[in-house]
Amino acid sequence: MSDILCRWLNQELQLSKAVEPKTIAKDFASGYLMGEVLHKYQLQNDFNMFMKKDTSVSKLNNFTRLEPTLQLLGISFDINTAQDLIQEKQGAATRLLYQLYVSLEKNRKAEISGTMMEIMQPAGCASLHKKEHQIYSDRLRQVVKRDTELKLQKISQHYEEKFQQFVVTPPIEQKRQVKVQDEKRLKNIDKLQAFHQKHKGMTFNQTTYMQVPKPPPYISQLSLKKRQQQQKRKERQAQIVQTEIVQFETNRKMVITAGLSSSGQSPIDFSLGSSSQGRDLLGRGNKVMLQSSNRYIQEIRKRLEENAIACKEREKRQDRFLVEQLKVHEAQEEARREEQLVKRLTRQTQQEQRLATQLLQIRMQKEVIRENRLFREQQYQQRRERDFQEALDREAALAQQAKLDRAEEIKKELEFCNRIAVERIQRKYKKHFENCRGILEQIMDLATKVGEYRLLNGKYVT
């Protein structure tokens, strides 16, 4: 059924927006497309007042203007149906569109316009529909919520979900994991310091150098961007250490060459005294390496302390924000409960109960009167339709009889035309015959005269 309705809306009516079976409820929630459908059949004269927006004001305006037209078509449209359409309930829009399709196609085949429907409507039903429309408009204003109320409701639901998540799954496990990771990092740093103290007396060659082991990666819940920045910072520090080592090697070579040139020693003398200088240079290189590694470790410790402080501050801010939101929500709930209590207390008076019973009785009487009037109007409608159908049948019989009478006249006219055509052919034949006969007689006269001339002239013709 949804495919049939979509084909009717998209191909036959060609609405301003393409409708799909999955999005029928969402497309018709504002009431604009429903008004456009009625406008295509020239039933919604105030379609220029419709609003093509998805706000509460536009929905209130559109559905208020739709109700009289749908009641005129005989479609049951009340506040519950409008609320189901606004809330995009499954099947509500499809049912209403099917009823609308059946009613519109029936009126189109019967060639009944909107003006005729208004004329055919009884005065009692018209006045009743006006009063019902006023009640419907008032009820619709109470049912349709404002945009601000919907936004506040969404915000409160969002923070309620956050609060539930915070209450159900506290971040104790996360804190414990972070604490275990910090302990592992401290152990690795202690191992690195012990390794450097153990290898202080190692010999240092030009082609080999001691690499500082990197600590294990810092696994935490930081974002990917921060981890990339930390990785880049580590690579930059490693490059600085490499450049310092290269610079130390170059300085050592320059010192050796400068000592040889200033003292004027031979290579043999230099080889004898180079052992003590090499030891001094190696000791300086180890000191430089230890200083750079200590600086790197201090930076790591400082970064860890900063990260721990930042995490604590972030957790404090989150806890403070959640507590404030919880207090605000509790205050709103308390105010709402007090308001509901006041309403209940003020509503339970005896006079109001008496008025409620009277209104209920009046409503029941009104419903009975309305049903009786509708039944009587239905009988009148059936009688009018029966009379209309009998008139159509009479006109069809008269048209058939006129066609039969006309058929005999047409037959006579055809016979007369055929007779005239035969006579015309005969006249043409006689005319051609007389012409040919005259020509042939002239030829015969000419031939006889020629023969006579030959006889007279001795077969000599001039």
Protein backbone atom coordinates (compact mmCIF):
# COMPACT_ATOMS: atom_id res chain seq x y z
CA MET A 1 0.00 0.00 0.00
CA SER A 2 2.89 2.38 0.71
CA ASP A 3 4.26 1.83 -2.81
CA ILE A 4 0.88 2.66 -4.35
CA LEU A 5 0.59 5.83 -2.28
CA CYS A 6 4.16 6.90 -3.14
CA ARG A 7 3.47 6.34 -6.85
CA TRP A 8 0.30 8.43 -6.56
CA LEU A 9 2.11 11.25 -4.73
CA ASN A 10 5.29 11.32 -6.84
CA GLN A 11 4.04 10.53 -10.35
CA GLU A 12 0.42 11.68 -10.52
CA LEU A 13 0.46 14.65 -8.13
CA GLN A 14 4.22 15.46 -8.48
CA LEU A 15 4.65 16.98 -5.03
CA SER A 16 7.45 19.42 -4.26
CA LYS A 17 9.30 16.71 -2.32
CA ALA A 18 9.80 13.09 -3.38
CA VAL A 19 8.17 10.71 -0.88
CA GLU A 20 9.60 7.28 -0.07
CA PRO A 21 7.88 4.42 1.82
CA LYS A 22 10.42 4.57 4.65
CA THR A 23 10.07 8.33 5.23
CA ILE A 24 6.30 8.84 4.87
CA ALA A 25 5.79 9.49 8.60
CA LYS A 26 8.64 12.04 8.72
CA ASP A 27 7.61 13.84 5.49
CA PHE A 28 3.96 14.31 6.57
CA ALA A 29 4.75 15.22 10.21
CA SER A 30 4.59 18.99 9.53
CA GLY A 31 1.30 18.84 7.55
CA TYR A 32 2.71 20.86 4.61
CA LEU A 33 2.64 18.00 2.09
CA MET A 34 -0.90 17.07 3.19
CA GLY A 35 -2.02 20.60 2.40
CA GLU A 36 -0.21 20.42 -0.96
CA VAL A 37 -2.11 17.22 -1.83
CA LEU A 38 -5.44 18.94 -1.09
CA HIS A 39 -4.29 22.02 -3.03
CA LYS A 40 -3.62 19.83 -6.10
CA TYR A 41 -7.32 18.87 -6.02
CA GLN A 42 -8.32 22.56 -5.50
CA LEU A 43 -9.72 21.89 -2.02
CA GLN A 44 -7.25 23.91 0.09
CA ASN A 45 -7.72 27.55 -0.91
CA ASP A 46 -5.51 28.92 1.89
CA PHE A 47 -2.45 26.84 0.93
CA ASN A 48 -0.35 30.01 0.63
CA MET A 49 -0.68 30.37 4.41
CA PHE A 50 0.98 27.00 5.07
CA MET A 51 4.54 27.00 6.45
CA LYS A 52 7.20 24.62 5.08
CA LYS A 53 9.15 24.27 8.34
CA ASP A 54 9.63 21.62 10.99
CA THR A 55 8.78 23.80 13.99
CA SER A 56 5.93 23.65 16.47
CA VAL A 57 4.44 26.94 15.17
CA SER A 58 4.31 25.65 11.58
CA LYS A 59 2.81 22.31 12.65
CA LEU A 60 0.13 24.08 14.72
CA ASN A 61 -0.73 26.38 11.80
CA ASN A 62 -0.80 23.61 9.17
CA PHE A 63 -2.88 21.08 11.12
CA THR A 64 -5.33 23.78 12.22
CA ARG A 65 -5.99 24.64 8.56
CA LEU A 66 -6.20 20.99 7.47
CA GLU A 67 -8.96 19.91 9.86
CA PRO A 68 -11.98 21.65 8.16
CA THR A 69 -11.06 20.30 4.70
CA LEU A 70 -10.66 16.75 5.97
CA GLN A 71 -13.97 16.95 7.84
CA LEU A 72 -15.60 18.21 4.64
CA LEU A 73 -14.29 15.13 2.80
CA GLY A 74 -15.83 12.87 5.46
CA ILE A 75 -12.50 11.74 6.93
CA SER A 76 -12.37 11.32 10.71
CA PHE A 77 -9.60 13.68 11.84
CA ASP A 78 -9.35 14.54 15.53
CA ILE A 79 -6.71 15.65 18.03
CA ASN A 80 -5.42 12.10 18.53
CA THR A 81 -4.77 11.63 14.80
CA ALA A 82 -2.98 14.99 14.62
CA GLN A 83 -0.83 14.08 17.63
CA ASP A 84 0.09 10.73 16.05
CA LEU A 85 1.14 12.50 12.84
CA ILE A 86 3.21 15.10 14.70
CA GLN A 87 4.94 12.42 16.78
CA GLU A 88 5.66 10.39 13.57
CA LYS A 89 3.95 7.24 14.78
CA GLN A 90 4.25 4.27 12.45
CA GLY A 91 1.21 3.77 10.20
CA ALA A 92 -0.68 6.96 11.12
CA ALA A 93 0.29 8.89 7.98
CA THR A 94 -0.28 5.83 5.75
CA ARG A 95 -3.82 5.26 7.05
CA LEU A 96 -4.77 8.91 6.64
CA LEU A 97 -3.32 9.07 3.12
CA TYR A 98 -5.21 5.94 2.10
CA GLN A 99 -8.52 7.41 3.33
CA LEU A 100 -7.69 10.67 1.57
CA TYR A 101 -6.83 8.85 -1.67
CA VAL A 102 -10.13 6.91 -1.66
CA SER A 103 -12.23 10.01 -0.91
CA LEU A 104 -10.49 12.21 -3.51
CA GLU A 105 -10.72 9.59 -6.26
CA LYS A 106 -14.41 9.05 -5.50
CA ASN A 107 -15.13 12.79 -5.76
CA ARG A 108 -13.04 13.09 -8.92
CA LYS A 109 -14.96 10.30 -10.67
CA ALA A 110 -18.27 11.83 -9.57
CA GLU A 111 -16.99 15.29 -10.70
CA ILE A 112 -17.83 16.89 -7.35
CA SER A 113 -15.77 20.00 -6.55
CA GLY A 114 -15.10 21.62 -3.19
CA THR A 115 -17.75 24.31 -3.77
CA MET A 116 -20.37 21.66 -4.53
CA MET A 117 -19.43 19.78 -1.36
CA GLU A 118 -19.87 22.94 0.71
CA ILE A 119 -23.25 23.62 -0.92
CA MET A 120 -24.43 20.03 -0.40
CA GLN A 121 -23.40 20.10 3.27
CA PRO A 122 -26.39 20.74 5.62
CA ALA A 123 -26.42 23.86 7.76
CA GLY A 124 -26.58 21.87 11.00
CA CYS A 125 -23.46 19.90 10.18
CA ALA A 126 -21.65 23.09 9.12
CA SER A 127 -22.34 24.83 12.44
CA LEU A 128 -21.37 21.67 14.33
CA HIS A 129 -18.10 21.44 12.42
CA LYS A 130 -17.32 25.06 13.27
CA LYS A 131 -17.72 24.43 16.98
CA GLU A 132 -15.68 21.24 16.76
CA HIS A 133 -12.99 23.16 14.89
CA GLN A 134 -12.74 25.69 17.72
CA ILE A 135 -12.42 22.91 20.30
CA TYR A 136 -9.88 21.16 18.09
CA SER A 137 -7.78 24.33 17.74
CA ASP A 138 -7.72 24.91 21.50
CA ARG A 139 -6.78 21.29 22.23
CA LEU A 140 -4.09 21.33 19.56
CA ARG A 141 -2.43 24.38 21.15
CA GLN A 142 -2.25 22.46 24.42
CA VAL A 143 -0.94 19.25 22.85
CA VAL A 144 1.76 20.68 20.55
CA LYS A 145 4.82 21.56 22.60
CA ARG A 146 6.93 24.62 21.90
CA ASP A 147 10.41 24.33 20.43
CA THR A 148 12.03 25.64 23.62
CA GLU A 149 10.31 22.96 25.69
CA LEU A 150 11.46 20.25 23.27
CA LYS A 151 15.04 21.54 23.38
CA LEU A 152 15.03 21.66 27.18
CA GLN A 153 13.62 18.14 27.28
CA LYS A 154 16.37 16.87 24.96
CA ILE A 155 19.05 18.59 27.05
CA SER A 156 17.68 17.12 30.29
CA GLN A 157 17.50 13.65 28.72
CA HIS A 158 21.07 14.00 27.51
CA TYR A 159 22.37 14.90 30.96
CA GLU A 160 20.24 12.24 32.59
CA GLU A 161 21.85 9.63 30.33
CA LYS A 162 25.27 11.01 31.19
CA PHE A 163 24.46 10.89 34.89
CA GLN A 164 23.22 7.30 34.58
CA GLN A 165 26.40 6.31 32.79
CA PHE A 166 28.46 8.03 35.47
CA VAL A 167 26.52 6.32 38.27
CA VAL A 168 26.39 2.87 36.70
CA THR A 169 30.00 2.70 35.49
CA PRO A 170 32.28 4.83 37.74
CA PRO A 171 35.82 5.38 36.41
CA ILE A 172 37.48 3.41 39.26
CA GLU A 173 38.83 0.79 36.90
CA GLN A 174 40.26 3.48 34.62
CA LYS A 175 42.04 5.16 37.54
CA ARG A 176 43.48 1.84 38.62
CA GLN A 177 44.84 1.15 35.12
CA VAL A 178 46.44 4.61 34.95
CA LYS A 179 48.05 4.03 38.36
CA VAL A 180 49.51 0.67 37.25
CA GLN A 181 50.89 2.27 34.08
CA ASP A 182 52.56 5.06 36.11
CA GLU A 183 54.22 2.47 38.37
CA LYS A 184 55.54 0.60 35.32
CA ARG A 185 57.00 3.80 33.88
CA LEU A 186 58.76 4.64 37.16
CA LYS A 187 60.27 1.13 37.27
CA ASN A 188 61.55 1.50 33.71
CA ILE A 189 63.14 4.86 34.56
CA ASP A 190 64.90 3.33 37.59
CA LYS A 191 66.22 0.50 35.39
CA LEU A 192 67.54 3.04 32.88
CA GLN A 193 69.41 4.96 35.60
CA ALA A 194 70.96 1.72 36.94
CA PHE A 195 72.04 0.78 33.43
CA HIS A 196 73.82 4.14 32.97
CA GLN A 197 75.60 3.88 36.34
CA LYS A 198 76.75 0.34 35.51
CA HIS A 199 78.24 1.28 32.13
CA LYS A 200 80.08 4.45 33.15
CA GLY A 201 83.55 2.87 32.63
CA MET A 202 82.92 1.48 29.12
CA THR A 203 85.39 2.42 26.38
CA PHE A 204 84.11 4.70 23.67
CA ASN A 205 85.24 4.31 20.04
CA GLN A 206 84.67 6.60 17.10
CA THR A 207 82.46 4.17 15.18
CA THR A 208 80.31 2.95 18.11
CA TYR A 209 78.28 4.84 20.71
CA MET A 210 75.95 3.87 23.48
CA GLN A 211 72.22 4.17 22.70
CA VAL A 212 69.90 5.26 25.44
CA PRO A 213 67.07 2.71 25.71
CA LYS A 214 63.69 4.28 25.23
CA PRO A 215 61.04 3.82 27.88
CA PRO A 216 57.94 1.80 26.99
CA PRO A 217 55.20 3.71 25.21
CA TYR A 218 52.89 5.75 27.33
CA ILE A 219 49.57 3.94 27.05
CA SER A 220 46.75 6.07 28.32
CA GLN A 221 43.37 7.41 27.29
CA LEU A 222 44.77 10.55 25.69
CA SER A 223 43.62 11.44 22.23
CA LEU A 224 45.51 10.42 19.11
CA LYS A 225 46.68 13.96 18.47
CA LYS A 226 48.42 14.26 21.84
CA ARG A 227 50.14 10.91 21.38
CA GLN A 228 51.43 12.00 17.98
CA GLN A 229 52.77 15.23 19.50
CA GLN A 230 54.57 13.23 22.21
CA GLN A 231 56.08 10.91 19.59
CA LYS A 232 57.34 13.88 17.57
CA ARG A 233 58.82 15.44 20.73
CA LYS A 234 60.69 12.19 21.52
CA GLU A 235 62.05 11.97 17.99
CA ARG A 236 63.21 15.60 18.19
CA GLN A 237 65.02 14.92 21.47
CA ALA A 238 66.66 11.82 20.00
CA GLN A 239 67.89 13.90 17.06
CA ILE A 240 69.29 16.49 19.49
CA VAL A 241 71.23 13.75 21.34
CA GLN A 242 72.59 12.44 18.01
CA THR A 243 73.72 15.91 16.96
CA GLU A 244 75.42 16.43 20.32
CA ILE A 245 77.31 13.14 19.91
CA VAL A 246 78.39 14.08 16.38
CA GLN A 247 79.46 17.52 17.60
CA PHE A 248 81.47 15.90 20.41
CA GLU A 249 83.30 13.68 17.88
CA THR A 250 84.13 16.65 15.67
CA ASN A 251 85.35 18.69 18.66
CA ARG A 252 87.51 15.78 19.80
CA LYS A 253 89.14 15.51 16.37
CA MET A 254 89.72 19.26 16.23
CA VAL A 255 91.33 19.19 19.69
CA ILE A 256 93.67 16.36 18.65
CA THR A 257 94.75 18.10 15.42
CA ALA A 258 95.21 21.46 17.21
CA GLY A 259 97.40 19.78 19.87
CA LEU A 260 99.61 18.18 17.24
CA SER A 261 100.05 21.40 15.29
CA SER A 262 100.85 23.53 18.38
CA SER A 263 103.25 21.15 20.09
CA GLY A 264 104.97 20.02 16.88
CA GLN A 265 105.06 16.42 18.02
CA SER A 266 105.53 13.65 15.61
CA PRO A 267 102.97 10.95 15.14
CA ILE A 268 105.14 8.58 17.19
CA ASP A 269 105.19 11.00 20.15
CA PHE A 270 101.48 11.57 19.74
CA SER A 271 100.83 7.85 19.79
CA LEU A 272 102.71 7.61 23.09
CA GLY A 273 100.72 10.44 24.72
CA SER A 274 97.39 9.87 23.06
CA SER A 275 96.35 7.20 25.54
CA SER A 276 95.96 9.69 28.45
CA GLN A 277 94.18 12.25 26.24
CA GLY A 278 91.83 9.55 24.91
CA ARG A 279 90.87 8.60 28.41
CA ASP A 280 90.08 12.24 29.24
CA LEU A 281 88.00 12.64 26.08
CA LEU A 282 86.12 9.40 26.76
CA GLY A 283 85.35 10.56 30.28
CA ARG A 284 84.00 13.85 28.89
CA GLY A 285 81.87 11.97 26.31
CA ASN A 286 80.40 9.77 29.01
CA LYS A 287 79.61 12.83 31.07
CA VAL A 288 77.87 14.47 28.11
CA MET A 289 75.86 11.28 27.46
CA LEU A 290 74.88 11.00 31.13
CA GLN A 291 73.86 14.66 31.23
CA SER A 292 71.69 14.30 28.10
CA SER A 293 70.09 11.08 29.42
CA ASN A 294 69.46 12.70 32.83
CA ARG A 295 67.91 15.68 31.10
CA TYR A 296 65.73 13.35 29.00
CA ILE A 297 64.62 11.45 32.13
CA GLN A 298 63.87 14.68 33.98
CA GLU A 299 61.76 15.88 31.05
CA ILE A 300 59.87 12.57 31.04
CA ARG A 301 59.21 12.86 34.77
CA LYS A 302 58.12 16.45 34.39
CA ARG A 303 55.77 15.51 31.54
CA LEU A 304 54.32 12.65 33.58
CA GLU A 305 53.71 14.96 36.51
CA GLU A 306 52.04 17.53 34.24
CA ASN A 307 49.85 14.85 32.67
CA ALA A 308 48.85 13.50 36.09
CA ILE A 309 47.98 17.03 37.32
CA ALA A 310 46.00 17.73 34.11
CA CYS A 311 44.09 14.44 34.48
CA LYS A 312 43.22 15.24 38.07
CA GLU A 313 42.06 18.75 37.16
CA ARG A 314 39.99 17.36 34.27
CA GLU A 315 38.36 14.80 36.54
CA LYS A 316 37.62 17.50 39.11
CA ARG A 317 36.02 19.71 36.46
CA GLN A 318 33.93 16.80 35.14
CA ASP A 319 32.79 15.87 38.65
CA ARG A 320 31.96 19.50 39.43
CA PHE A 321 30.00 19.88 36.17
CA LEU A 322 28.05 16.67 36.74
CA VAL A 323 27.24 17.65 40.32
CA GLU A 324 25.99 21.07 39.17
CA GLN A 325 23.85 19.50 36.44
CA LEU A 326 22.47 17.01 38.94
CA LYS A 327 21.56 19.83 41.34
CA VAL A 328 19.85 21.78 38.56
CA HIS A 329 17.94 18.68 37.45
CA GLU A 330 16.87 17.93 41.01
CA ALA A 331 15.67 21.52 41.45
CA GLN A 332 13.65 21.30 38.22
CA GLU A 333 12.12 18.00 39.29
CA GLU A 334 11.25 19.41 42.70
CA ALA A 335 9.58 22.44 41.11
CA ARG A 336 7.67 20.20 38.72
CA ARG A 337 6.48 17.96 41.56
CA GLU A 338 5.33 20.97 43.55
CA GLU A 339 3.47 22.34 40.54
CA GLN A 340 1.75 19.00 39.93
CA LEU A 341 0.80 18.76 43.60
CA VAL A 342 -0.71 22.24 43.56
CA LYS A 343 -2.67 21.40 40.41
CA ARG A 344 -4.03 18.22 41.93
CA LEU A 345 -5.04 19.96 45.13
CA THR A 346 -6.80 22.79 43.33
CA ARG A 347 -8.55 20.43 40.93
CA GLN A 348 -10.27 18.18 43.49
CA THR A 349 -13.02 20.55 44.67
CA GLN A 350 -16.68 19.51 44.79
CA GLN A 351 -17.83 22.27 42.51
CA GLU A 352 -15.37 21.22 39.85
CA GLN A 353 -16.49 17.60 40.18
CA ARG A 354 -20.11 18.69 39.72
CA LEU A 355 -19.17 20.73 36.67
CA ALA A 356 -17.22 17.78 35.29
CA THR A 357 -20.25 15.48 35.60
CA GLN A 358 -22.48 18.08 33.94
CA LEU A 359 -20.00 18.51 31.11
CA LEU A 360 -19.83 14.75 30.69
CA GLN A 361 -23.62 14.50 30.43
CA ILE A 362 -23.74 17.39 27.96
CA ARG A 363 -21.02 15.74 25.92
CA MET A 364 -22.92 12.46 25.84
CA GLN A 365 -26.13 14.23 24.77
CA LYS A 366 -24.20 16.11 22.15
CA GLU A 367 -22.70 12.89 20.86
CA VAL A 368 -26.17 11.30 20.56
CA ILE A 369 -27.51 14.35 18.71
CA ARG A 370 -24.48 14.32 16.44
CA GLU A 371 -24.92 10.64 15.64
CA ASN A 372 -28.62 11.13 14.87
CA ARG A 373 -27.86 14.06 12.61
CA LEU A 374 -25.13 12.15 10.85
CA PHE A 375 -27.48 9.20 10.32
CA ARG A 376 -30.17 11.49 8.91
CA GLU A 377 -27.66 13.26 6.69
CA GLN A 378 -26.39 9.90 5.51
CA GLN A 379 -29.94 8.92 4.52
CA TYR A 380 -30.36 12.24 2.70
CA GLN A 381 -27.02 11.67 0.97
CA GLN A 382 -28.05 8.19 -0.13
CA ARG A 383 -31.36 9.53 -1.47
CA ARG A 384 -29.57 12.32 -3.38
CA GLU A 385 -27.11 9.83 -4.83
CA ARG A 386 -29.98 7.52 -5.85
CA ASP A 387 -31.84 10.38 -7.54
CA PHE A 388 -28.65 11.49 -9.23
CA GLN A 389 -28.01 7.96 -10.51
CA GLU A 390 -31.60 7.67 -11.82
CA ALA A 391 -31.22 10.97 -13.64
CA LEU A 392 -27.98 9.73 -15.19
CA ASP A 393 -29.72 6.51 -16.29
CA ARG A 394 -32.60 8.50 -17.84
CA GLU A 395 -30.19 10.70 -19.73
CA ALA A 396 -28.31 7.66 -20.97
CA ALA A 397 -31.56 6.03 -22.22
CA LEU A 398 -32.62 9.22 -23.99
CA ALA A 399 -29.22 9.52 -25.59
CA GLN A 400 -29.44 5.90 -26.79
CA GLN A 401 -32.94 6.46 -28.25
CA ALA A 402 -31.79 9.65 -29.98
CA LYS A 403 -28.88 7.75 -31.42
CA LEU A 404 -31.22 5.07 -32.84
CA ASP A 405 -33.53 7.69 -34.37
CA ARG A 406 -30.62 9.49 -35.83
CA ALA A 407 -29.32 6.23 -37.28
CA GLU A 408 -32.40 5.89 -39.55
CA GLU A 409 -32.00 9.45 -40.76
CA ILE A 410 -28.33 8.83 -41.44
CA LYS A 411 -29.27 5.70 -43.42
CA LYS A 412 -31.72 7.65 -45.58
CA GLU A 413 -29.16 10.39 -46.18
CA LEU A 414 -26.58 7.77 -47.22
CA GLU A 415 -29.05 6.24 -49.72
CA PHE A 416 -29.81 9.69 -51.14
CA CYS A 417 -26.08 10.42 -51.49
CA ASN A 418 -25.49 7.11 -53.26
CA ARG A 419 -28.37 7.79 -55.67
CA ILE A 420 -27.02 11.25 -56.48
CA ALA A 421 -23.56 9.76 -57.08
CA VAL A 422 -25.00 7.16 -59.51
CA GLU A 423 -26.90 9.80 -61.44
CA ARG A 424 -23.79 11.95 -61.69
CA ILE A 425 -21.81 9.01 -63.08
CA GLN A 426 -24.53 8.34 -65.66
CA ARG A 427 -24.55 11.99 -66.73
CA LYS A 428 -20.80 11.90 -67.19
CA TYR A 429 -21.09 8.72 -69.21
CA LYS A 430 -23.79 10.20 -71.51
CA LYS A 431 -21.75 13.36 -71.95
CA HIS A 432 -18.62 11.43 -72.92
CA PHE A 433 -20.70 9.16 -75.16
CA GLU A 434 -22.22 12.12 -77.02
CA ASN A 435 -18.79 13.72 -77.48
CA CYS A 436 -17.31 10.54 -78.87
CA ARG A 437 -20.33 10.01 -81.11
CA GLY A 438 -20.05 13.54 -82.53
CA ILE A 439 -16.33 13.08 -83.20
CA LEU A 440 -16.93 9.73 -84.87
CA GLU A 441 -19.72 11.16 -87.11
CA GLN A 442 -17.41 14.01 -88.17
CA ILE A 443 -14.71 11.48 -89.03
CA MET A 444 -17.23 9.46 -91.09
CA ASP A 445 -18.40 12.61 -92.91
CA LEU A 446 -14.79 13.52 -93.66
CA ALA A 447 -14.07 10.03 -95.00
CA THR A 448 -17.16 10.08 -97.27
CA LYS A 449 -16.27 13.53 -98.60
CA VAL A 450 -12.70 12.39 -99.31
CA GLY A 451 -14.08 9.39 -101.24
CA GLU A 452 -16.41 11.59 -103.21
CA TYR A 453 -13.54 13.99 -104.12
CA ARG A 454 -11.45 11.07 -105.31
CA LEU A 455 -14.22 9.81 -107.52
CA LEU A 456 -14.77 13.26 -108.98
CA ASN A 457 -11.05 14.09 -109.47
CA GLY A 458 -9.93 10.71 -110.58
CA LYS A 459 -8.40 9.60 -107.33
CA TYR A 460 -6.41 12.79 -107.08
CA VAL A 461 -6.85 14.75 -103.94
CA THR A 462 -5.37 18.22 -103.61
